[in-house]
Amino acid sequence: EDASFSTQSADDLYAAGQAAFARKDYSRAQHCFSRCIV
């Protein structure tokens, strides 16, 4: 988590979340969007 997400912007995390959702990795997508919300 720290290495992948802690330094990313909300826009980057949102794009990662959308990409994860598209490939049906919904758990990772949820995590990305949660970080966006933070």
PDB file of all heavy atoms in Angstrom:
ATOM      1  N   GLU A   1       0.826  -1.222   0.000  1.00  0.00           N
ATOM      2  CA  GLU A   1       0.000   0.000   0.000  1.00  0.00           C
ATOM      3  C   GLU A   1       0.854   1.263   0.000  1.00  0.00           C
ATOM      4  O   GLU A   1       0.649   2.164  -0.802  1.00  0.00           O
ATOM      5  CB  GLU A   1      -0.915   0.003   1.222  1.00  0.00           C
ATOM      6  CG  GLU A   1      -1.746   1.272   1.321  1.00  0.00           C
ATOM      7  CD  GLU A   1      -2.411   1.393   2.671  1.00  0.00           C
ATOM      8  OE1 GLU A   1      -2.417   0.440   3.433  1.00  0.00           O
ATOM      9  OE2 GLU A   1      -2.917   2.505   2.930  1.00  0.00           O
ATOM     10  N   ASP A   2       1.818   1.357   0.918  1.00  0.00           N
ATOM     11  CA  ASP A   2       2.594   2.585   1.047  1.00  0.00           C
ATOM     12  C   ASP A   2       3.382   2.873  -0.228  1.00  0.00           C
ATOM     13  O   ASP A   2       3.409   3.998  -0.725  1.00  0.00           O
ATOM     14  CB  ASP A   2       3.538   2.483   2.245  1.00  0.00           C
ATOM     15  CG  ASP A   2       2.777   2.462   3.560  1.00  0.00           C
ATOM     16  OD1 ASP A   2       1.622   2.938   3.565  1.00  0.00           O
ATOM     17  OD2 ASP A   2       3.341   1.980   4.546  1.00  0.00           O
ATOM     18  N   ALA A   3       4.032   1.857  -0.764  1.00  0.00           N
ATOM     19  CA  ALA A   3       4.858   2.060  -1.947  1.00  0.00           C
ATOM     20  C   ALA A   3       4.028   2.411  -3.161  1.00  0.00           C
ATOM     21  O   ALA A   3       4.442   3.210  -4.002  1.00  0.00           O
ATOM     22  CB  ALA A   3       5.673   0.794  -2.230  1.00  0.00           C
ATOM     23  N   SER A   4       2.816   1.840  -3.268  1.00  0.00           N
ATOM     24  CA  SER A   4       1.999   2.017  -4.476  1.00  0.00           C
ATOM     25  C   SER A   4       1.160   3.286  -4.447  1.00  0.00           C
ATOM     26  O   SER A   4       0.856   3.848  -5.491  1.00  0.00           O
ATOM     27  CB  SER A   4       1.071   0.810  -4.659  1.00  0.00           C
ATOM     28  OG  SER A   4       1.819  -0.363  -4.831  1.00  0.00           O
ATOM     29  N   PHE A   5       0.750   3.703  -3.242  1.00  0.00           N
ATOM     30  CA  PHE A   5      -0.272   4.730  -3.179  1.00  0.00           C
ATOM     31  C   PHE A   5       0.109   6.018  -2.447  1.00  0.00           C
ATOM     32  O   PHE A   5      -0.471   7.060  -2.717  1.00  0.00           O
ATOM     33  CB  PHE A   5      -1.535   4.169  -2.510  1.00  0.00           C
ATOM     34  CG  PHE A   5      -2.182   3.064  -3.293  1.00  0.00           C
ATOM     35  CD1 PHE A   5      -2.021   1.748  -2.917  1.00  0.00           C
ATOM     36  CD2 PHE A   5      -2.947   3.343  -4.408  1.00  0.00           C
ATOM     37  CE1 PHE A   5      -2.618   0.729  -3.642  1.00  0.00           C
ATOM     38  CE2 PHE A   5      -3.538   2.333  -5.141  1.00  0.00           C
ATOM     39  CZ  PHE A   5      -3.379   1.017  -4.755  1.00  0.00           C
ATOM     40  N   SER A   6       1.033   5.951  -1.528  1.00  0.00           N
ATOM     41  CA  SER A   6       1.225   7.085  -0.620  1.00  0.00           C
ATOM     42  C   SER A   6       1.683   8.349  -1.322  1.00  0.00           C
ATOM     43  O   SER A   6       1.424   9.453  -0.845  1.00  0.00           O
ATOM     44  CB  SER A   6       2.226   6.696   0.483  1.00  0.00           C
ATOM     45  OG  SER A   6       3.480   6.373  -0.093  1.00  0.00           O
ATOM     46  N   THR A   7       2.365   8.231  -2.452  1.00  0.00           N
ATOM     47  CA  THR A   7       2.885   9.426  -3.124  1.00  0.00           C
ATOM     48  C   THR A   7       2.084   9.822  -4.351  1.00  0.00           C
ATOM     49  O   THR A   7       2.432  10.789  -5.032  1.00  0.00           O
ATOM     50  CB  THR A   7       4.354   9.192  -3.549  1.00  0.00           C
ATOM     51  OG1 THR A   7       4.401   8.103  -4.483  1.00  0.00           O
ATOM     52  CG2 THR A   7       5.221   8.874  -2.350  1.00  0.00           C
ATOM     53  N   GLN A   8       0.991   9.109  -4.643  1.00  0.00           N
ATOM     54  CA  GLN A   8       0.220   9.396  -5.848  1.00  0.00           C
ATOM     55  C   GLN A   8      -0.828  10.472  -5.600  1.00  0.00           C
ATOM     56  O   GLN A   8      -1.351  10.616  -4.495  1.00  0.00           O
ATOM     57  CB  GLN A   8      -0.462   8.124  -6.363  1.00  0.00           C
ATOM     58  CG  GLN A   8       0.508   7.115  -6.953  1.00  0.00           C
ATOM     59  CD  GLN A   8      -0.218   5.899  -7.490  1.00  0.00           C
ATOM     60  OE1 GLN A   8      -0.696   5.066  -6.738  1.00  0.00           O
ATOM     61  NE2 GLN A   8      -0.322   5.815  -8.802  1.00  0.00           N
ATOM     62  N   SER A   9      -1.129  11.223  -6.644  1.00  0.00           N
ATOM     63  CA  SER A   9      -2.169  12.249  -6.562  1.00  0.00           C
ATOM     64  C   SER A   9      -3.537  11.592  -6.678  1.00  0.00           C
ATOM     65  O   SER A   9      -3.666  10.432  -7.089  1.00  0.00           O
ATOM     66  CB  SER A   9      -1.994  13.256  -7.695  1.00  0.00           C
ATOM     67  OG  SER A   9      -2.291  12.646  -8.950  1.00  0.00           O
ATOM     68  N   ALA A  10      -4.582  12.360  -6.347  1.00  0.00           N
ATOM     69  CA  ALA A  10      -5.946  11.851  -6.464  1.00  0.00           C
ATOM     70  C   ALA A  10      -6.266  11.494  -7.914  1.00  0.00           C
ATOM     71  O   ALA A  10      -6.932  10.485  -8.182  1.00  0.00           O
ATOM     72  CB  ALA A  10      -6.936  12.887  -5.941  1.00  0.00           C
ATOM     73  N   ASP A  11      -5.789  12.308  -8.852  1.00  0.00           N
ATOM     74  CA  ASP A  11      -6.039  12.013 -10.271  1.00  0.00           C
ATOM     75  C   ASP A  11      -5.400  10.693 -10.685  1.00  0.00           C
ATOM     76  O   ASP A  11      -5.997   9.895 -11.415  1.00  0.00           O
ATOM     77  CB  ASP A  11      -5.507  13.150 -11.151  1.00  0.00           C
ATOM     78  CG  ASP A  11      -6.354  14.402 -11.079  1.00  0.00           C
ATOM     79  OD1 ASP A  11      -7.508  14.313 -10.601  1.00  0.00           O
ATOM     80  OD2 ASP A  11      -5.870  15.470 -11.497  1.00  0.00           O
ATOM     81  N   ASP A  12      -4.168  10.466 -10.227  1.00  0.00           N
ATOM     82  CA  ASP A  12      -3.474   9.215 -10.548  1.00  0.00           C
ATOM     83  C   ASP A  12      -4.186   8.013  -9.924  1.00  0.00           C
ATOM     84  O   ASP A  12      -4.350   6.969 -10.561  1.00  0.00           O
ATOM     85  CB  ASP A  12      -2.031   9.255 -10.053  1.00  0.00           C
ATOM     86  CG  ASP A  12      -1.157  10.213 -10.855  1.00  0.00           C
ATOM     87  OD1 ASP A  12      -1.519  10.522 -12.012  1.00  0.00           O
ATOM     88  OD2 ASP A  12      -0.119  10.661 -10.330  1.00  0.00           O
ATOM     89  N   LEU A  13      -4.606   8.175  -8.696  1.00  0.00           N
ATOM     90  CA  LEU A  13      -5.311   7.095  -8.001  1.00  0.00           C
ATOM     91  C   LEU A  13      -6.655   6.809  -8.649  1.00  0.00           C
ATOM     92  O   LEU A  13      -7.068   5.652  -8.763  1.00  0.00           O
ATOM     93  CB  LEU A  13      -5.492   7.462  -6.531  1.00  0.00           C
ATOM     94  CG  LEU A  13      -4.221   7.437  -5.685  1.00  0.00           C
ATOM     95  CD1 LEU A  13      -4.446   8.190  -4.382  1.00  0.00           C
ATOM     96  CD2 LEU A  13      -3.798   6.001  -5.411  1.00  0.00           C
ATOM     97  N   TYR A  14      -7.319   7.868  -9.093  1.00  0.00           N
ATOM     98  CA  TYR A  14      -8.606   7.691  -9.774  1.00  0.00           C
ATOM     99  C   TYR A  14      -8.417   6.901 -11.064  1.00  0.00           C
ATOM    100  O   TYR A  14      -9.177   5.963 -11.354  1.00  0.00           O
ATOM    101  CB  TYR A  14      -9.229   9.054 -10.071  1.00  0.00           C
ATOM    102  CG  TYR A  14     -10.483   8.977 -10.890  1.00  0.00           C
ATOM    103  CD1 TYR A  14     -11.673   8.511 -10.340  1.00  0.00           C
ATOM    104  CD2 TYR A  14     -10.490   9.352 -12.235  1.00  0.00           C
ATOM    105  CE1 TYR A  14     -12.827   8.429 -11.097  1.00  0.00           C
ATOM    106  CE2 TYR A  14     -11.637   9.269 -12.999  1.00  0.00           C
ATOM    107  CZ  TYR A  14     -12.807   8.812 -12.426  1.00  0.00           C
ATOM    108  OH  TYR A  14     -13.945   8.721 -13.190  1.00  0.00           O
ATOM    109  N   ALA A  15      -7.383   7.269 -11.842  1.00  0.00           N
ATOM    110  CA  ALA A  15      -7.106   6.548 -13.082  1.00  0.00           C
ATOM    111  C   ALA A  15      -6.770   5.085 -12.792  1.00  0.00           C
ATOM    112  O   ALA A  15      -7.218   4.175 -13.514  1.00  0.00           O
ATOM    113  CB  ALA A  15      -5.957   7.209 -13.832  1.00  0.00           C
ATOM    114  N   ALA A  16      -6.021   4.847 -11.736  1.00  0.00           N
ATOM    115  CA  ALA A  16      -5.684   3.472 -11.358  1.00  0.00           C
ATOM    116  C   ALA A  16      -6.927   2.705 -10.933  1.00  0.00           C
ATOM    117  O   ALA A  16      -7.085   1.517 -11.250  1.00  0.00           O
ATOM    118  CB  ALA A  16      -4.656   3.484 -10.228  1.00  0.00           C
ATOM    119  N   GLY A  17      -7.811   3.384 -10.222  1.00  0.00           N
ATOM    120  CA  GLY A  17      -9.059   2.754  -9.801  1.00  0.00           C
ATOM    121  C   GLY A  17      -9.946   2.388 -10.970  1.00  0.00           C
ATOM    122  O   GLY A  17     -10.526   1.300 -11.020  1.00  0.00           O
ATOM    123  N   GLN A  18     -10.034   3.298 -11.948  1.00  0.00           N
ATOM    124  CA  GLN A  18     -10.839   3.016 -13.135  1.00  0.00           C
ATOM    125  C   GLN A  18     -10.252   1.855 -13.926  1.00  0.00           C
ATOM    126  O   GLN A  18     -10.982   0.999 -14.444  1.00  0.00           O
ATOM    127  CB  GLN A  18     -10.915   4.271 -14.016  1.00  0.00           C
ATOM    128  CG  GLN A  18     -11.680   5.429 -13.412  1.00  0.00           C
ATOM    129  CD  GLN A  18     -13.183   5.196 -13.416  1.00  0.00           C
ATOM    130  OE1 GLN A  18     -13.689   4.209 -12.911  1.00  0.00           O
ATOM    131  NE2 GLN A  18     -13.909   6.116 -14.020  1.00  0.00           N
ATOM    132  N   ALA A  19      -8.925   1.805 -14.021  1.00  0.00           N
ATOM    133  CA  ALA A  19      -8.262   0.711 -14.741  1.00  0.00           C
ATOM    134  C   ALA A  19      -8.504  -0.617 -14.025  1.00  0.00           C
ATOM    135  O   ALA A  19      -8.778  -1.644 -14.666  1.00  0.00           O
ATOM    136  CB  ALA A  19      -6.774   0.985 -14.866  1.00  0.00           C
ATOM    137  N   ALA A  20      -8.420  -0.597 -12.703  1.00  0.00           N
ATOM    138  CA  ALA A  20      -8.663  -1.816 -11.929  1.00  0.00           C
ATOM    139  C   ALA A  20     -10.111  -2.276 -12.087  1.00  0.00           C
ATOM    140  O   ALA A  20     -10.382  -3.476 -12.228  1.00  0.00           O
ATOM    141  CB  ALA A  20      -8.339  -1.565 -10.460  1.00  0.00           C
ATOM    142  N   PHE A  21     -11.030  -1.326 -12.073  1.00  0.00           N
ATOM    143  CA  PHE A  21     -12.444  -1.664 -12.233  1.00  0.00           C
ATOM    144  C   PHE A  21     -12.681  -2.296 -13.608  1.00  0.00           C
ATOM    145  O   PHE A  21     -13.404  -3.279 -13.737  1.00  0.00           O
ATOM    146  CB  PHE A  21     -13.297  -0.408 -12.083  1.00  0.00           C
ATOM    147  CG  PHE A  21     -14.768  -0.689 -11.927  1.00  0.00           C
ATOM    148  CD1 PHE A  21     -15.336  -0.788 -10.672  1.00  0.00           C
ATOM    149  CD2 PHE A  21     -15.585  -0.856 -13.038  1.00  0.00           C
ATOM    150  CE1 PHE A  21     -16.687  -1.047 -10.524  1.00  0.00           C
ATOM    151  CE2 PHE A  21     -16.927  -1.120 -12.904  1.00  0.00           C
ATOM    152  CZ  PHE A  21     -17.491  -1.217 -11.640  1.00  0.00           C
ATOM    153  N   ALA A  22     -12.038  -1.733 -14.636  1.00  0.00           N
ATOM    154  CA  ALA A  22     -12.218  -2.238 -16.001  1.00  0.00           C
ATOM    155  C   ALA A  22     -11.741  -3.680 -16.141  1.00  0.00           C
ATOM    156  O   ALA A  22     -12.318  -4.456 -16.909  1.00  0.00           O
ATOM    157  CB  ALA A  22     -11.489  -1.341 -16.994  1.00  0.00           C
ATOM    158  N   ARG A  23     -10.702  -4.034 -15.395  1.00  0.00           N
ATOM    159  CA  ARG A  23     -10.214  -5.416 -15.480  1.00  0.00           C
ATOM    160  C   ARG A  23     -10.828  -6.296 -14.377  1.00  0.00           C
ATOM    161  O   ARG A  23     -10.378  -7.413 -14.125  1.00  0.00           O
ATOM    162  CB  ARG A  23      -8.683  -5.453 -15.410  1.00  0.00           C
ATOM    163  CG  ARG A  23      -8.050  -4.986 -14.130  1.00  0.00           C
ATOM    164  CD  ARG A  23      -6.520  -5.187 -14.165  1.00  0.00           C
ATOM    165  NE  ARG A  23      -5.917  -4.754 -12.934  1.00  0.00           N
ATOM    166  CZ  ARG A  23      -5.466  -3.541 -12.700  1.00  0.00           C
ATOM    167  NH1 ARG A  23      -5.538  -2.612 -13.646  1.00  0.00           N
ATOM    168  NH2 ARG A  23      -4.931  -3.233 -11.527  1.00  0.00           N
ATOM    169  N   LYS A  24     -11.852  -5.771 -13.716  1.00  0.00           N
ATOM    170  CA  LYS A  24     -12.656  -6.494 -12.723  1.00  0.00           C
ATOM    171  C   LYS A  24     -11.893  -6.805 -11.439  1.00  0.00           C
ATOM    172  O   LYS A  24     -12.228  -7.743 -10.716  1.00  0.00           O
ATOM    173  CB  LYS A  24     -13.247  -7.773 -13.320  1.00  0.00           C
ATOM    174  CG  LYS A  24     -14.162  -7.514 -14.509  1.00  0.00           C
ATOM    175  CD  LYS A  24     -14.782  -8.787 -15.039  1.00  0.00           C
ATOM    176  CE  LYS A  24     -15.692  -8.481 -16.221  1.00  0.00           C
ATOM    177  NZ  LYS A  24     -16.322  -9.716 -16.764  1.00  0.00           N
ATOM    178  N   ASP A  25     -10.893  -6.010 -11.148  1.00  0.00           N
ATOM    179  CA  ASP A  25     -10.183  -6.110  -9.872  1.00  0.00           C
ATOM    180  C   ASP A  25     -10.849  -5.112  -8.929  1.00  0.00           C
ATOM    181  O   ASP A  25     -10.312  -4.029  -8.635  1.00  0.00           O
ATOM    182  CB  ASP A  25      -8.696  -5.798 -10.065  1.00  0.00           C
ATOM    183  CG  ASP A  25      -7.877  -6.083  -8.797  1.00  0.00           C
ATOM    184  OD1 ASP A  25      -8.487  -6.336  -7.739  1.00  0.00           O
ATOM    185  OD2 ASP A  25      -6.634  -6.040  -8.877  1.00  0.00           O
ATOM    186  N   TYR A  26     -12.019  -5.472  -8.455  1.00  0.00           N
ATOM    187  CA  TYR A  26     -12.857  -4.532  -7.724  1.00  0.00           C
ATOM    188  C   TYR A  26     -12.292  -4.194  -6.347  1.00  0.00           C
ATOM    189  O   TYR A  26     -12.492  -3.084  -5.847  1.00  0.00           O
ATOM    190  CB  TYR A  26     -14.272  -5.082  -7.601  1.00  0.00           C
ATOM    191  CG  TYR A  26     -14.902  -5.372  -8.936  1.00  0.00           C
ATOM    192  CD1 TYR A  26     -15.377  -6.639  -9.243  1.00  0.00           C
ATOM    193  CD2 TYR A  26     -14.992  -4.382  -9.910  1.00  0.00           C
ATOM    194  CE1 TYR A  26     -15.948  -6.911 -10.480  1.00  0.00           C
ATOM    195  CE2 TYR A  26     -15.557  -4.638 -11.154  1.00  0.00           C
ATOM    196  CZ  TYR A  26     -16.033  -5.912 -11.428  1.00  0.00           C
ATOM    197  OH  TYR A  26     -16.584  -6.175 -12.654  1.00  0.00           O
ATOM    198  N   SER A  27     -11.577  -5.118  -5.740  1.00  0.00           N
ATOM    199  CA  SER A  27     -10.967  -4.841  -4.441  1.00  0.00           C
ATOM    200  C   SER A  27      -9.909  -3.745  -4.563  1.00  0.00           C
ATOM    201  O   SER A  27      -9.867  -2.803  -3.759  1.00  0.00           O
ATOM    202  CB  SER A  27     -10.339  -6.125  -3.877  1.00  0.00           C
ATOM    203  OG  SER A  27      -9.730  -5.867  -2.630  1.00  0.00           O
ATOM    204  N   ARG A  28      -9.064  -3.860  -5.568  1.00  0.00           N
ATOM    205  CA  ARG A  28      -8.053  -2.821  -5.780  1.00  0.00           C
ATOM    206  C   ARG A  28      -8.715  -1.495  -6.168  1.00  0.00           C
ATOM    207  O   ARG A  28      -8.288  -0.420  -5.732  1.00  0.00           O
ATOM    208  CB  ARG A  28      -7.061  -3.253  -6.854  1.00  0.00           C
ATOM    209  CG  ARG A  28      -5.917  -2.239  -7.049  1.00  0.00           C
ATOM    210  CD  ARG A  28      -4.936  -2.712  -8.099  1.00  0.00           C
ATOM    211  NE  ARG A  28      -3.920  -1.708  -8.390  1.00  0.00           N
ATOM    212  CZ  ARG A  28      -2.756  -1.604  -7.778  1.00  0.00           C
ATOM    213  NH1 ARG A  28      -2.450  -2.455  -6.810  1.00  0.00           N
ATOM    214  NH2 ARG A  28      -1.875  -0.673  -8.117  1.00  0.00           N
ATOM    215  N   ALA A  29      -9.758  -1.571  -6.993  1.00  0.00           N
ATOM    216  CA  ALA A  29     -10.468  -0.348  -7.387  1.00  0.00           C
ATOM    217  C   ALA A  29     -11.024   0.353  -6.152  1.00  0.00           C
ATOM    218  O   ALA A  29     -10.883   1.571  -6.005  1.00  0.00           O
ATOM    219  CB  ALA A  29     -11.591  -0.680  -8.360  1.00  0.00           C
ATOM    220  N   GLN A  30     -11.634  -0.413  -5.262  1.00  0.00           N
ATOM    221  CA  GLN A  30     -12.167   0.170  -4.030  1.00  0.00           C
ATOM    222  C   GLN A  30     -11.064   0.852  -3.237  1.00  0.00           C
ATOM    223  O   GLN A  30     -11.247   1.958  -2.709  1.00  0.00           O
ATOM    224  CB  GLN A  30     -12.828  -0.907  -3.173  1.00  0.00           C
ATOM    225  CG  GLN A  30     -13.340  -0.383  -1.831  1.00  0.00           C
ATOM    226  CD  GLN A  30     -13.944  -1.470  -0.973  1.00  0.00           C
ATOM    227  OE1 GLN A  30     -14.415  -2.484  -1.473  1.00  0.00           O
ATOM    228  NE2 GLN A  30     -13.937  -1.276   0.333  1.00  0.00           N
ATOM    229  N   HIS A  31      -9.918   0.203  -3.142  1.00  0.00           N
ATOM    230  CA  HIS A  31      -8.808   0.779  -2.399  1.00  0.00           C
ATOM    231  C   HIS A  31      -8.335   2.094  -3.028  1.00  0.00           C
ATOM    232  O   HIS A  31      -8.088   3.078  -2.323  1.00  0.00           O
ATOM    233  CB  HIS A  31      -7.657  -0.227  -2.355  1.00  0.00           C
ATOM    234  CG  HIS A  31      -6.493   0.229  -1.527  1.00  0.00           C
ATOM    235  ND1 HIS A  31      -6.582   0.417  -0.167  1.00  0.00           N
ATOM    236  CD2 HIS A  31      -5.221   0.555  -1.869  1.00  0.00           C
ATOM    237  CE1 HIS A  31      -5.420   0.828   0.297  1.00  0.00           C
ATOM    238  NE2 HIS A  31      -4.569   0.926  -0.715  1.00  0.00           N
ATOM    239  N   CYS A  32      -8.230   2.109  -4.349  1.00  0.00           N
ATOM    240  CA  CYS A  32      -7.800   3.337  -5.034  1.00  0.00           C
ATOM    241  C   CYS A  32      -8.773   4.475  -4.764  1.00  0.00           C
ATOM    242  O   CYS A  32      -8.361   5.610  -4.464  1.00  0.00           O
ATOM    243  CB  CYS A  32      -7.683   3.086  -6.533  1.00  0.00           C
ATOM    244  SG  CYS A  32      -6.316   2.010  -7.030  1.00  0.00           S
ATOM    245  N   PHE A  33     -10.068   4.191  -4.865  1.00  0.00           N
ATOM    246  CA  PHE A  33     -11.065   5.240  -4.654  1.00  0.00           C
ATOM    247  C   PHE A  33     -11.086   5.691  -3.196  1.00  0.00           C
ATOM    248  O   PHE A  33     -11.341   6.865  -2.907  1.00  0.00           O
ATOM    249  CB  PHE A  33     -12.447   4.763  -5.106  1.00  0.00           C
ATOM    250  CG  PHE A  33     -12.526   4.456  -6.580  1.00  0.00           C
ATOM    251  CD1 PHE A  33     -13.157   3.306  -7.034  1.00  0.00           C
ATOM    252  CD2 PHE A  33     -11.965   5.310  -7.514  1.00  0.00           C
ATOM    253  CE1 PHE A  33     -13.231   3.021  -8.394  1.00  0.00           C
ATOM    254  CE2 PHE A  33     -12.028   5.036  -8.878  1.00  0.00           C
ATOM    255  CZ  PHE A  33     -12.663   3.878  -9.317  1.00  0.00           C
ATOM    256  N   SER A  34     -10.814   4.764  -2.276  1.00  0.00           N
ATOM    257  CA  SER A  34     -10.734   5.146  -0.861  1.00  0.00           C
ATOM    258  C   SER A  34      -9.592   6.124  -0.634  1.00  0.00           C
ATOM    259  O   SER A  34      -9.720   7.095   0.113  1.00  0.00           O
ATOM    260  CB  SER A  34     -10.542   3.900   0.019  1.00  0.00           C
ATOM    261  OG  SER A  34     -11.697   3.099   0.019  1.00  0.00           O
ATOM    262  N   ARG A  35      -8.471   5.870  -1.294  1.00  0.00           N
ATOM    263  CA  ARG A  35      -7.340   6.795  -1.175  1.00  0.00           C
ATOM    264  C   ARG A  35      -7.676   8.155  -1.799  1.00  0.00           C
ATOM    265  O   ARG A  35      -7.276   9.191  -1.282  1.00  0.00           O
ATOM    266  CB  ARG A  35      -6.104   6.204  -1.855  1.00  0.00           C
ATOM    267  CG  ARG A  35      -5.549   4.943  -1.194  1.00  0.00           C
ATOM    268  CD  ARG A  35      -5.069   5.186   0.202  1.00  0.00           C
ATOM    269  NE  ARG A  35      -4.045   6.222   0.289  1.00  0.00           N
ATOM    270  CZ  ARG A  35      -3.488   6.650   1.407  1.00  0.00           C
ATOM    271  NH1 ARG A  35      -3.883   6.144   2.557  1.00  0.00           N
ATOM    272  NH2 ARG A  35      -2.564   7.585   1.385  1.00  0.00           N
ATOM    273  N   CYS A  36      -8.431   8.134  -2.892  1.00  0.00           N
ATOM    274  CA  CYS A  36      -8.885   9.398  -3.494  1.00  0.00           C
ATOM    275  C   CYS A  36      -9.703  10.199  -2.492  1.00  0.00           C
ATOM    276  O   CYS A  36      -9.553  11.422  -2.369  1.00  0.00           O
ATOM    277  CB  CYS A  36      -9.750   9.114  -4.727  1.00  0.00           C
ATOM    278  SG  CYS A  36      -8.867   8.503  -6.168  1.00  0.00           S
ATOM    279  N   ILE A  37     -10.571   9.490  -1.765  1.00  0.00           N
ATOM    280  CA  ILE A  37     -11.441  10.154  -0.797  1.00  0.00           C
ATOM    281  C   ILE A  37     -10.625  10.755   0.339  1.00  0.00           C
ATOM    282  O   ILE A  37     -10.916  11.858   0.825  1.00  0.00           O
ATOM    283  CB  ILE A  37     -12.496   9.154  -0.266  1.00  0.00           C
ATOM    284  CG1 ILE A  37     -13.500   8.817  -1.380  1.00  0.00           C
ATOM    285  CG2 ILE A  37     -13.218   9.707   0.958  1.00  0.00           C
ATOM    286  CD1 ILE A  37     -14.387   7.634  -1.074  1.00  0.00           C
ATOM    287  N   VAL A  38      -9.583  10.055   0.777  1.00  0.00           N
ATOM    288  CA  VAL A  38      -8.715  10.598   1.828  1.00  0.00           C
ATOM    289  C   VAL A  38      -8.097  11.910   1.372  1.00  0.00           C
ATOM    290  O   VAL A  38      -8.011  12.878   2.131  1.00  0.00           O
ATOM    291  CB  VAL A  38      -7.614   9.578   2.190  1.00  0.00           C
ATOM    292  CG1 VAL A  38      -6.569  10.223   3.102  1.00  0.00           C
ATOM    293  CG2 VAL A  38      -8.228   8.365   2.872  1.00  0.00           C
TER     294      VAL A  38
END
